[in-house]
Amino acid sequence: MQQGITEPLERQPVLTVDGLTLRFGDNLAVDNVSFSVARGEIHGLVGHNGAGKSTVIKMLTGQLQPDSGTIGLDSEAARLRSRRAAQRQGISLVDQELSLVPALSISENMRLGSVRLGAADAGIRPRLTHVLERELLTSVGLPGVDVNTRVEELTLGQRQLVEIARALGQRPRVMILDEPTATLNETESQYVYAAVRRVAEQGCAVIFVSHRLGEVLALCDHVTVLRDARLVRTCNSAETDIATLMADMLGEAPHRLERRVPAHDEETPGLSISGLAVGRELAPFTLDASAGTIYALAGQVGSGASTVLRALGGLEPSAVGAVRVATGRLRLADPAAAAKAGVVVISNDRKSEGLFLSRSIATNLLATRLSAISRWGFIQRIRQRRRVAALAELVSLPNAGLGRPVSSLSGGNQQKVFIARTLLRDDTRVLLIDEPTRGVDVGGRAAIHGLIRRAADAGVTVLFASTELDELVDLADIIITMKDGRVVRQHSGTVSANELMYDMVHISEGTP
């Protein structure tokens, strides 16, 4: 074991990771990483994007094989040749991207890919299987939910709890949760925290991966920090703080961007919205937005904030109302018309709406600016290399390895590729961003915020939707809080995170 490892006291480790190392060609993805997790312990795993967290998870779940090092389960060497083999030996993963099938029922989803609660059991003893499923759902905080309910009828928070229940149905010795609260509001996150605690109380070792350092410290017993593929340290959560963890992750003390003074003319309109509405999802929404200003739509999932952005980008077929940009009136429900008018949408779903996953990082970075690197219909390789290198540097992506598939990057680095590709278009007049830094580490967040500020300083009107309170306070010039499809309030001066939270979810009305 490496120095600096803090063994869980009074409990024997169920999982032991010793000297894990893995290379991809010349790239060292994980370098001699060691830590252990005890039965009933919640163990945090943190690090900036590209630090090695995703690779460690893939080795623990049999998706990648280490070049050297060992993985032990209850003091015995584990042979994790595939994800199914890892499941059979007691390691379950709740992935960052939900894997439930929306059109199937909860029961059907819980049996998909199961090695214990499988289709064979269901065919022979369906009633008993449903009883077990209900017990699992109750154990994660979903009592009384009908197992025949289609997943598409559930909230995001409920879907996440079903994912945890499904993993628990594997009767794991170790459960790994990768960013389980990244897309959830505060109330839904609290239910997930409670479910994780229940899982640990049942004797399961839990590895909890998150960029939200506050929740890591509040929930986890110990925290392992990775940086640049190496172990920094493992520590007791009660003996550290957010600032120290951030310094461990970055290799330096974190710094905050100075609050921006808008460099715009209040008389220069950038976007005029009058009575924009979408069925029952969005009540009539009106806003006169100035060029060069950053507006935040602050609301939890289902608040209508994302719907505003989608409607402005022509992605809501039932949208009605009047929208004007500098070039004239914008035709709604027409994405091509929005793009032609300089309205650019950055979705919160990078995998299905943002990236070409099988193509290279370089190809993805340049997908919207081929004309800038082409002549007479042919790509100029020198221009291509220069532009790719510049874009990679802007969002702190290593220049080496840009020929790899973008799918090989961590989720946060994929987000940075998506943001960089879209933000720096020369014809952008209005920029619409949904959850700009979801799943992105503190260093990447600063890079993305810098790009957004740069766009605003160039005269672009920016609207972004976010559930991250710190991001709302730090980045926006004007914050509009939303709830249940309606505007609650507009804040143009100093505002606290507590005020925003009250507007967004009314904490007193439903937090567990």
Protein backbone atom coordinates (compact mmCIF):
# COMPACT_ATOMS: atom_id res chain seq x y z
CA MET A 1 0.00 0.00 0.00
CA GLN A 2 1.14 3.57 -0.66
CA GLN A 3 1.89 5.97 2.11
CA GLY A 4 -0.96 8.29 3.00
CA ILE A 5 -3.63 5.58 2.89
CA THR A 6 -5.90 5.79 5.90
CA GLU A 7 -7.37 2.35 6.62
CA PRO A 8 -10.96 2.33 7.92
CA LEU A 9 -10.73 1.81 11.65
CA GLU A 10 -12.34 -1.18 13.42
CA ARG A 11 -13.66 -2.59 10.12
CA GLN A 12 -12.00 -5.00 7.72
CA PRO A 13 -11.86 -3.85 4.11
CA VAL A 14 -14.19 -5.64 1.72
CA LEU A 15 -12.50 -4.02 -1.30
CA THR A 16 -8.75 -3.52 -1.59
CA VAL A 17 -7.18 -1.70 -4.53
CA ASP A 18 -3.40 -2.02 -4.59
CA GLY A 19 -1.10 -0.37 -7.13
CA LEU A 20 -3.53 -0.20 -10.06
CA THR A 21 -1.81 1.04 -13.22
CA LEU A 22 -3.11 1.30 -16.78
CA ARG A 23 -1.71 2.85 -19.95
CA PHE A 24 -3.41 3.74 -23.22
CA GLY A 25 -0.43 3.80 -25.58
CA ASP A 26 1.87 6.53 -24.28
CA ASN A 27 -0.86 7.97 -22.06
CA LEU A 28 -0.72 6.92 -18.40
CA ALA A 29 -4.41 6.79 -17.42
CA VAL A 30 -3.95 5.45 -13.87
CA ASP A 31 -0.60 5.36 -12.07
CA ASN A 32 -0.14 3.14 -8.99
CA VAL A 33 -3.45 3.93 -7.26
CA SER A 34 -4.28 2.23 -3.95
CA PHE A 35 -7.13 2.52 -1.45
CA SER A 36 -9.52 0.30 0.50
CA VAL A 37 -13.21 0.39 1.42
CA ALA A 38 -14.70 -1.31 4.47
CA ARG A 39 -18.02 -3.07 4.81
CA GLY A 40 -20.73 -0.51 5.57
CA GLU A 41 -18.47 2.42 4.63
CA ILE A 42 -19.35 5.22 2.19
CA HIS A 43 -16.10 6.12 0.45
CA GLY A 44 -15.80 9.24 -1.71
CA LEU A 45 -13.72 9.26 -4.90
CA VAL A 46 -12.94 12.74 -6.23
CA GLY A 47 -10.66 14.38 -8.77
CA HIS A 48 -10.80 16.78 -11.69
CA ASN A 49 -11.90 15.56 -15.12
CA GLY A 50 -9.24 13.26 -16.54
CA ALA A 51 -7.76 12.53 -13.10
CA GLY A 52 -8.42 8.81 -13.54
CA LYS A 53 -11.73 8.26 -11.71
CA SER A 54 -13.58 6.83 -14.71
CA THR A 55 -10.69 4.51 -15.54
CA VAL A 56 -10.52 3.21 -11.96
CA ILE A 57 -14.28 2.57 -12.04
CA LYS A 58 -13.96 0.68 -15.33
CA MET A 59 -11.22 -1.52 -13.87
CA LEU A 60 -13.27 -2.21 -10.73
CA THR A 61 -16.24 -3.24 -12.87
CA GLY A 62 -14.33 -5.41 -15.34
CA GLN A 63 -14.64 -3.08 -18.31
CA LEU A 64 -10.87 -2.51 -18.46
CA GLN A 65 -7.99 -4.74 -17.34
CA PRO A 66 -5.10 -3.14 -15.39
CA ASP A 67 -1.54 -3.48 -16.67
CA SER A 68 -0.42 -4.04 -13.08
CA GLY A 69 -1.80 -3.99 -9.56
CA THR A 70 -4.46 -6.06 -7.83
CA ILE A 71 -8.11 -5.80 -6.80
CA GLY A 72 -9.12 -7.81 -3.74
CA LEU A 73 -12.58 -8.73 -2.43
CA ASP A 74 -12.74 -9.92 1.18
CA SER A 75 -8.98 -10.59 1.15
CA GLU A 76 -9.13 -12.73 -2.01
CA ALA A 77 -7.88 -11.72 -5.45
CA ALA A 78 -10.76 -10.82 -7.75
CA ARG A 79 -10.88 -11.89 -11.41
CA LEU A 80 -12.86 -9.14 -13.09
CA ARG A 81 -12.74 -10.03 -16.78
CA SER A 82 -16.06 -8.40 -17.69
CA ARG A 83 -18.83 -6.31 -16.18
CA ARG A 84 -20.93 -9.46 -15.76
CA ALA A 85 -18.02 -11.16 -13.95
CA ALA A 86 -17.76 -8.16 -11.62
CA GLN A 87 -21.50 -8.39 -10.90
CA ARG A 88 -21.21 -12.09 -10.10
CA GLN A 89 -18.40 -11.36 -7.65
CA GLY A 90 -20.43 -8.65 -5.93
CA ILE A 91 -19.55 -5.31 -7.56
CA SER A 92 -22.50 -3.28 -8.88
CA LEU A 93 -22.32 0.04 -10.74
CA VAL A 94 -24.90 2.82 -10.94
CA ASP A 95 -23.54 4.70 -13.94
CA GLN A 96 -23.48 8.49 -14.49
CA GLU A 97 -25.79 8.12 -17.49
CA LEU A 98 -29.10 6.48 -16.49
CA SER A 99 -29.50 3.09 -18.17
CA LEU A 100 -33.22 2.50 -17.60
CA VAL A 101 -35.48 1.88 -20.60
CA PRO A 102 -38.26 4.52 -20.41
CA ALA A 103 -40.90 2.45 -22.23
CA LEU A 104 -40.53 -0.53 -19.87
CA SER A 105 -41.97 -0.88 -16.38
CA ILE A 106 -39.97 -0.55 -13.17
CA SER A 107 -40.17 -4.32 -12.72
CA GLU A 108 -38.92 -5.04 -16.23
CA ASN A 109 -36.05 -2.58 -15.83
CA MET A 110 -35.01 -4.08 -12.50
CA ARG A 111 -34.65 -7.48 -14.17
CA LEU A 112 -32.72 -6.24 -17.21
CA GLY A 113 -29.15 -7.52 -17.04
CA SER A 114 -29.73 -8.98 -13.59
CA VAL A 115 -27.67 -11.98 -12.55
CA ARG A 116 -29.75 -12.66 -9.44
CA LEU A 117 -33.24 -11.18 -9.86
CA GLY A 118 -33.48 -12.45 -13.43
CA ALA A 119 -36.10 -13.27 -16.01
CA ALA A 120 -35.98 -16.96 -15.12
CA ASP A 121 -37.06 -16.24 -11.56
CA ALA A 122 -39.77 -13.90 -12.85
CA GLY A 123 -41.18 -16.57 -15.14
CA ILE A 124 -41.40 -19.18 -12.39
CA ARG A 125 -42.32 -17.03 -9.40
CA PRO A 126 -43.62 -13.66 -10.63
CA ARG A 127 -45.43 -12.83 -7.39
CA LEU A 128 -42.36 -13.54 -5.28
CA THR A 129 -40.22 -11.49 -7.68
CA HIS A 130 -42.60 -8.52 -7.36
CA VAL A 131 -42.42 -8.83 -3.56
CA LEU A 132 -38.62 -8.69 -3.71
CA GLU A 133 -38.76 -5.70 -6.06
CA ARG A 134 -41.09 -3.83 -3.72
CA GLU A 135 -38.78 -4.57 -0.80
CA LEU A 136 -35.84 -3.19 -2.76
CA LEU A 137 -37.76 -0.07 -3.75
CA THR A 138 -38.87 0.48 -0.16
CA SER A 139 -35.28 0.14 1.03
CA VAL A 140 -34.20 3.07 -1.17
CA GLY A 141 -37.12 5.33 -0.26
CA LEU A 142 -39.78 4.40 -2.82
CA PRO A 143 -42.46 2.65 -0.75
CA GLY A 144 -45.84 2.17 -2.37
CA VAL A 145 -44.62 2.70 -5.94
CA ASP A 146 -46.32 0.31 -8.37
CA VAL A 147 -43.64 -1.87 -9.96
CA ASN A 148 -45.72 -1.97 -13.15
CA THR A 149 -45.38 1.81 -13.63
CA ARG A 150 -43.51 2.78 -16.78
CA VAL A 151 -40.17 4.43 -16.07
CA GLU A 152 -41.05 7.34 -18.40
CA GLU A 153 -43.72 8.36 -15.86
CA LEU A 154 -41.15 8.79 -13.07
CA THR A 155 -39.22 11.93 -12.13
CA LEU A 156 -35.45 11.98 -12.62
CA GLY A 157 -34.98 11.53 -8.89
CA GLN A 158 -37.26 8.49 -8.82
CA ARG A 159 -35.41 6.99 -11.79
CA GLN A 160 -32.12 7.38 -9.94
CA LEU A 161 -33.57 5.57 -6.92
CA VAL A 162 -34.79 2.75 -9.19
CA GLU A 163 -31.22 2.47 -10.55
CA ILE A 164 -29.93 2.11 -6.99
CA ALA A 165 -32.63 -0.44 -6.14
CA ARG A 166 -31.74 -2.44 -9.25
CA ALA A 167 -28.06 -2.46 -8.27
CA LEU A 168 -29.02 -3.48 -4.73
CA GLY A 169 -30.95 -6.41 -6.23
CA GLN A 170 -27.58 -7.85 -7.27
CA ARG A 171 -26.85 -8.29 -3.53
CA PRO A 172 -23.51 -6.55 -3.98
CA ARG A 173 -20.60 -6.44 -1.61
CA VAL A 174 -19.54 -3.18 -3.27
CA MET A 175 -21.79 -0.58 -4.92
CA ILE A 176 -20.27 2.19 -7.05
CA LEU A 177 -22.34 5.32 -7.69
CA ASP A 178 -20.97 7.62 -10.41
CA GLU A 179 -22.33 11.19 -10.12
CA PRO A 180 -25.77 10.01 -8.89
CA THR A 181 -27.05 13.54 -8.13
CA ALA A 182 -25.63 15.42 -11.14
CA THR A 183 -29.05 16.01 -12.74
CA LEU A 184 -31.19 16.12 -9.60
CA ASN A 185 -32.64 19.00 -7.63
CA GLU A 186 -31.96 19.46 -3.91
CA THR A 187 -35.01 17.54 -2.71
CA GLU A 188 -34.36 14.60 -5.05
CA SER A 189 -30.69 14.58 -4.00
CA GLN A 190 -31.70 14.28 -0.35
CA TYR A 191 -33.66 11.11 -1.17
CA VAL A 192 -30.59 9.68 -2.92
CA TYR A 193 -28.40 10.48 0.12
CA ALA A 194 -30.88 8.68 2.37
CA ALA A 195 -30.90 5.68 0.02
CA VAL A 196 -27.10 5.52 -0.02
CA ARG A 197 -27.01 5.58 3.78
CA ARG A 198 -29.53 2.72 3.91
CA VAL A 199 -27.42 0.69 1.48
CA ALA A 200 -24.35 1.18 3.67
CA GLU A 201 -26.30 0.30 6.82
CA GLN A 202 -27.09 -3.06 5.22
CA GLY A 203 -23.35 -3.80 5.17
CA CYS A 204 -22.57 -2.89 1.57
CA ALA A 205 -19.36 -0.97 0.84
CA VAL A 206 -20.22 2.14 -1.21
CA ILE A 207 -17.93 4.14 -3.51
CA PHE A 208 -19.50 7.55 -4.14
CA VAL A 209 -18.10 9.58 -7.06
CA SER A 210 -19.11 13.24 -7.26
CA HIS A 211 -17.87 16.70 -8.21
CA ARG A 212 -20.05 18.20 -5.49
CA LEU A 213 -17.49 18.28 -2.72
CA GLY A 214 -19.97 19.49 -0.11
CA GLU A 215 -22.13 16.40 -0.53
CA VAL A 216 -19.05 14.16 -0.51
CA LEU A 217 -17.93 15.51 2.86
CA ALA A 218 -21.45 15.35 4.31
CA LEU A 219 -22.13 11.79 3.14
CA CYS A 220 -18.83 9.92 3.03
CA ASP A 221 -16.71 8.43 5.81
CA HIS A 222 -13.45 8.68 3.87
CA VAL A 223 -12.37 10.40 0.65
CA THR A 224 -9.76 9.36 -1.90
CA VAL A 225 -8.40 12.17 -4.10
CA LEU A 226 -6.88 11.58 -7.54
CA ARG A 227 -4.93 14.09 -9.64
CA ASP A 228 -3.29 13.52 -13.02
CA ALA A 229 -3.82 9.73 -12.81
CA ARG A 230 -2.15 9.46 -9.39
CA LEU A 231 -3.31 9.10 -5.82
CA VAL A 232 -2.97 12.31 -3.80
CA ARG A 233 -4.28 10.96 -0.49
CA THR A 234 -7.08 9.16 1.31
CA CYS A 235 -8.40 10.95 4.38
CA ASN A 236 -11.15 10.97 6.97
CA SER A 237 -13.95 13.26 5.78
CA ALA A 238 -14.30 14.80 9.23
CA GLU A 239 -10.66 15.92 9.11
CA THR A 240 -10.70 17.89 5.85
CA ASP A 241 -12.71 20.62 4.11
CA ILE A 242 -13.76 21.73 0.63
CA ALA A 243 -10.87 24.17 0.15
CA THR A 244 -8.32 21.49 1.00
CA LEU A 245 -9.92 18.95 -1.33
CA MET A 246 -9.97 21.50 -4.15
CA ALA A 247 -6.29 22.25 -3.59
CA ASP A 248 -5.57 18.50 -3.64
CA MET A 249 -7.48 18.11 -6.92
CA LEU A 250 -5.91 21.11 -8.66
CA GLY A 251 -2.42 21.02 -7.17
CA GLU A 252 -2.88 24.62 -6.03
CA ALA A 253 -5.24 26.73 -3.97
CA PRO A 254 -8.48 27.39 -5.88
CA HIS A 255 -9.30 30.91 -6.99
CA ARG A 256 -12.64 32.44 -7.91
CA LEU A 257 -13.28 34.57 -10.96
CA GLU A 258 -14.00 38.19 -10.18
CA ARG A 259 -17.65 39.09 -10.66
CA ARG A 260 -17.99 40.54 -14.12
CA VAL A 261 -19.04 44.11 -14.89
CA PRO A 262 -21.20 43.82 -18.04
CA ALA A 263 -19.56 45.55 -21.00
CA HIS A 264 -22.78 46.33 -22.82
CA ASP A 265 -25.05 49.18 -23.77
CA GLU A 266 -28.41 48.95 -21.98
CA GLU A 267 -30.02 50.48 -25.08
CA THR A 268 -28.78 47.66 -27.34
CA PRO A 269 -31.37 44.88 -27.38
CA GLY A 270 -30.09 41.38 -28.02
CA LEU A 271 -33.24 39.32 -27.58
CA SER A 272 -36.88 40.27 -27.05
CA ILE A 273 -39.29 37.59 -25.78
CA SER A 274 -43.02 38.23 -25.42
CA GLY A 275 -45.51 35.65 -24.16
CA LEU A 276 -43.40 32.59 -24.96
CA ALA A 277 -45.39 29.55 -23.81
CA VAL A 278 -45.24 25.76 -24.22
CA GLY A 279 -48.39 23.84 -23.31
CA ARG A 280 -48.50 23.06 -19.61
CA GLU A 281 -44.73 23.18 -19.27
CA LEU A 282 -44.24 26.95 -19.58
CA ALA A 283 -46.60 29.80 -18.74
CA PRO A 284 -46.19 32.96 -20.88
CA PHE A 285 -42.59 34.13 -20.43
CA THR A 286 -41.46 37.68 -21.27
CA LEU A 287 -37.95 39.14 -21.23
CA ASP A 288 -36.08 41.99 -22.94
CA ALA A 289 -32.44 40.89 -22.88
CA SER A 290 -29.57 43.24 -23.65
CA ALA A 291 -26.62 42.33 -25.83
CA GLY A 292 -23.50 41.44 -23.87
CA THR A 293 -25.39 40.43 -20.72
CA ILE A 294 -25.43 37.02 -19.02
CA TYR A 295 -28.90 35.97 -17.84
CA ALA A 296 -29.43 32.91 -15.65
CA LEU A 297 -32.65 30.93 -15.51
CA ALA A 298 -32.49 29.40 -12.04
CA GLY A 299 -34.78 26.46 -11.50
CA GLN A 300 -34.83 22.83 -10.58
CA VAL A 301 -35.77 20.02 -12.96
CA GLY A 302 -39.29 20.71 -14.25
CA SER A 303 -39.20 24.43 -13.42
CA GLY A 304 -39.51 25.48 -17.06
CA ALA A 305 -35.98 26.89 -17.34
CA SER A 306 -34.82 24.26 -19.82
CA THR A 307 -38.10 24.60 -21.74
CA VAL A 308 -37.42 28.33 -22.31
CA LEU A 309 -34.06 27.52 -23.88
CA ARG A 310 -35.43 24.71 -26.03
CA ALA A 311 -38.31 26.89 -27.26
CA LEU A 312 -35.95 29.74 -28.19
CA GLY A 313 -33.77 27.26 -30.07
CA GLY A 314 -36.72 26.00 -32.12
CA LEU A 315 -36.81 22.63 -30.36
CA GLU A 316 -40.35 22.81 -28.90
CA PRO A 317 -42.97 22.11 -31.62
CA SER A 318 -45.84 23.51 -29.52
CA ALA A 319 -44.12 26.80 -28.61
CA VAL A 320 -46.11 30.00 -29.17
CA GLY A 321 -45.31 33.68 -28.62
CA ALA A 322 -43.20 36.40 -30.20
CA VAL A 323 -39.39 36.37 -30.22
CA ARG A 324 -37.15 38.94 -31.93
CA VAL A 325 -33.39 38.98 -32.40
CA ALA A 326 -31.15 41.52 -34.14
CA THR A 327 -32.02 40.14 -37.58
CA GLY A 328 -35.78 40.30 -37.04
CA ARG A 329 -38.60 38.11 -35.78
CA LEU A 330 -37.65 34.51 -35.03
CA ARG A 331 -39.81 31.69 -36.37
CA LEU A 332 -40.59 29.31 -33.51
CA ALA A 333 -40.44 25.50 -33.72
CA ASP A 334 -37.83 25.78 -36.47
CA PRO A 335 -34.26 24.86 -35.38
CA ALA A 336 -32.83 25.75 -38.79
CA ALA A 337 -34.32 29.25 -38.63
CA ALA A 338 -32.91 29.73 -35.13
CA ALA A 339 -29.44 28.63 -36.21
CA LYS A 340 -29.56 30.92 -39.27
CA ALA A 341 -30.46 33.86 -37.01
CA GLY A 342 -27.40 33.18 -34.84
CA VAL A 343 -29.26 31.49 -31.97
CA VAL A 344 -27.05 28.66 -30.67
CA VAL A 345 -28.29 25.99 -28.26
CA ILE A 346 -26.00 23.91 -26.03
CA SER A 347 -28.06 21.00 -24.70
CA ASN A 348 -27.55 19.37 -21.30
CA ASP A 349 -27.51 15.97 -23.03
CA ARG A 350 -24.07 15.85 -24.59
CA LYS A 351 -24.27 12.19 -25.62
CA SER A 352 -27.47 12.15 -27.66
CA GLU A 353 -27.63 15.80 -28.77
CA GLY A 354 -24.08 17.11 -28.67
CA LEU A 355 -21.24 14.80 -29.65
CA PHE A 356 -20.25 12.31 -32.34
CA LEU A 357 -19.09 9.70 -29.85
CA SER A 358 -17.29 7.42 -32.30
CA ARG A 359 -15.33 10.28 -33.89
CA SER A 360 -12.13 11.84 -32.60
CA ILE A 361 -11.85 14.66 -30.09
CA ALA A 362 -10.35 16.85 -32.85
CA THR A 363 -13.23 16.11 -35.24
CA ASN A 364 -15.78 17.00 -32.58
CA LEU A 365 -14.02 20.26 -31.71
CA LEU A 366 -14.14 21.38 -35.35
CA ALA A 367 -17.55 20.01 -36.33
CA THR A 368 -19.18 23.46 -36.46
CA ARG A 369 -16.31 25.34 -38.10
CA LEU A 370 -15.25 23.28 -41.10
CA SER A 371 -15.40 26.36 -43.34
CA ALA A 372 -12.69 27.99 -41.23
CA ILE A 373 -10.23 25.19 -41.93
CA SER A 374 -11.21 24.38 -45.53
CA ARG A 375 -10.42 25.74 -48.97
CA TRP A 376 -12.12 24.71 -52.20
CA GLY A 377 -13.90 21.97 -50.27
CA PHE A 378 -10.73 20.39 -48.85
CA ILE A 379 -9.62 20.51 -45.21
CA GLN A 380 -6.28 22.28 -44.73
CA ARG A 381 -4.38 20.10 -42.24
CA ILE A 382 -2.17 22.90 -40.92
CA ARG A 383 -5.20 25.09 -40.20
CA GLN A 384 -6.93 22.10 -38.63
CA ARG A 385 -4.05 21.36 -36.24
CA ARG A 386 -3.69 25.00 -35.21
CA ARG A 387 -7.42 25.47 -34.57
CA VAL A 388 -7.73 22.20 -32.62
CA ALA A 389 -4.72 23.05 -30.45
CA ALA A 390 -6.14 26.51 -29.69
CA LEU A 391 -9.56 25.13 -28.75
CA ALA A 392 -8.08 22.39 -26.57
CA GLU A 393 -5.97 24.94 -24.71
CA LEU A 394 -8.98 27.21 -24.10
CA VAL A 395 -10.80 24.50 -22.14
CA SER A 396 -7.73 22.90 -20.53
CA LEU A 397 -7.75 19.69 -22.59
CA PRO A 398 -4.34 18.04 -23.08
CA ASN A 399 -3.17 18.50 -26.67
CA ALA A 400 -1.79 14.96 -26.78
CA GLY A 401 -4.30 12.30 -27.72
CA LEU A 402 -6.79 14.53 -29.56
CA GLY A 403 -7.05 11.81 -32.20
CA ARG A 404 -8.71 9.45 -29.71
CA PRO A 405 -12.50 8.90 -29.83
CA VAL A 406 -14.32 11.52 -27.77
CA SER A 407 -16.12 8.63 -26.03
CA SER A 408 -12.80 7.78 -24.32
CA LEU A 409 -12.95 11.03 -22.32
CA SER A 410 -14.52 11.38 -18.91
CA GLY A 411 -18.02 12.87 -18.81
CA GLY A 412 -16.73 16.26 -17.70
CA ASN A 413 -14.15 16.46 -20.48
CA GLN A 414 -16.81 15.50 -23.01
CA GLN A 415 -18.81 18.47 -21.75
CA LYS A 416 -15.82 20.75 -22.27
CA VAL A 417 -15.45 19.56 -25.88
CA PHE A 418 -19.14 20.22 -26.52
CA ILE A 419 -18.99 23.69 -24.94
CA ALA A 420 -15.78 24.73 -26.72
CA ARG A 421 -17.04 23.60 -30.11
CA THR A 422 -20.22 25.63 -29.84
CA LEU A 423 -19.15 28.71 -27.91
CA LEU A 424 -16.58 29.99 -30.34
CA ARG A 425 -18.71 30.19 -33.48
CA ASP A 426 -18.22 33.56 -35.17
CA ASP A 427 -21.89 34.03 -36.10
CA THR A 428 -23.40 33.59 -32.63
CA ARG A 429 -25.76 36.39 -31.51
CA VAL A 430 -27.71 34.56 -28.79
CA LEU A 431 -26.19 31.74 -26.74
CA LEU A 432 -28.51 29.33 -24.89
CA ILE A 433 -26.79 26.89 -22.50
CA ASP A 434 -28.53 24.24 -20.40
CA GLU A 435 -26.46 23.19 -17.35
CA PRO A 436 -23.11 24.44 -18.72
CA THR A 437 -20.92 22.68 -16.15
CA ARG A 438 -22.90 19.59 -15.19
CA GLY A 439 -20.37 16.94 -14.14
CA VAL A 440 -17.39 19.26 -14.71
CA ASP A 441 -14.60 19.68 -12.14
CA VAL A 442 -13.58 23.00 -10.61
CA GLY A 443 -10.78 23.64 -13.10
CA GLY A 444 -12.96 22.86 -16.10
CA ARG A 445 -15.77 24.94 -14.64
CA ALA A 446 -13.51 28.00 -14.49
CA ALA A 447 -12.47 27.45 -18.13
CA ILE A 448 -16.09 27.17 -19.30
CA HIS A 449 -17.17 30.21 -17.29
CA GLY A 450 -14.31 32.13 -18.87
CA LEU A 451 -15.53 31.19 -22.35
CA ILE A 452 -19.07 32.29 -21.53
CA ARG A 453 -17.83 35.62 -20.20
CA ARG A 454 -15.70 36.05 -23.32
CA ALA A 455 -18.77 35.52 -25.51
CA ALA A 456 -20.75 38.10 -23.52
CA ASP A 457 -17.89 40.61 -23.68
CA ALA A 458 -18.01 40.23 -27.47
CA GLY A 459 -21.67 41.34 -27.45
CA VAL A 460 -23.43 37.96 -27.41
CA THR A 461 -26.64 37.71 -25.37
CA VAL A 462 -26.28 34.72 -23.04
CA LEU A 463 -29.07 32.78 -21.33
CA PHE A 464 -28.15 29.74 -19.29
CA ALA A 465 -30.17 27.40 -17.08
CA SER A 466 -28.57 25.91 -13.99
CA THR A 467 -29.39 24.21 -10.71
CA GLU A 468 -25.93 25.00 -9.28
CA LEU A 469 -26.29 27.84 -6.79
CA ASP A 470 -22.61 28.84 -6.81
CA GLU A 471 -22.62 28.97 -10.59
CA LEU A 472 -25.72 31.15 -10.65
CA VAL A 473 -24.28 33.65 -8.18
CA ASP A 474 -20.78 33.74 -9.70
CA LEU A 475 -21.57 33.87 -13.41
CA ALA A 476 -24.85 35.68 -14.03
CA ASP A 477 -25.45 39.42 -14.36
CA ILE A 478 -29.20 38.93 -13.93
CA ILE A 479 -30.86 35.88 -12.35
CA ILE A 480 -34.47 34.88 -13.08
CA THR A 481 -35.82 32.23 -10.71
CA MET A 482 -38.46 29.82 -12.01
CA LYS A 483 -40.75 27.22 -10.49
CA ASP A 484 -43.53 25.09 -12.01
CA GLY A 485 -43.20 26.78 -15.41
CA ARG A 486 -43.50 30.34 -14.09
CA VAL A 487 -41.15 33.18 -13.19
CA VAL A 488 -40.82 33.65 -9.44
CA ARG A 489 -38.54 36.68 -9.30
CA GLN A 490 -35.79 38.58 -11.13
CA HIS A 491 -32.58 39.49 -9.28
CA SER A 492 -30.35 42.13 -10.84
CA GLY A 493 -28.27 43.01 -7.78
CA THR A 494 -26.49 41.01 -5.10
CA VAL A 495 -28.36 37.86 -4.13
CA SER A 496 -27.55 35.03 -1.75
CA ALA A 497 -27.67 31.32 -2.49
CA ASN A 498 -30.30 30.92 0.23
CA GLU A 499 -32.61 33.43 -1.48
CA LEU A 500 -32.27 31.59 -4.77
CA MET A 501 -32.93 28.24 -3.15
CA TYR A 502 -36.07 29.55 -1.49
CA ASP A 503 -37.35 30.87 -4.82
CA MET A 504 -36.52 27.66 -6.66
CA VAL A 505 -37.81 24.93 -4.37
CA HIS A 506 -39.29 26.52 -1.22
CA ILE A 507 -37.18 24.37 1.08
CA SER A 508 -39.68 24.47 3.92
CA GLU A 509 -42.27 22.66 1.80
CA GLY A 510 -40.77 19.30 1.15
CA THR A 511 -37.15 18.62 2.02
CA PRO A 512 -36.82 15.33 3.91
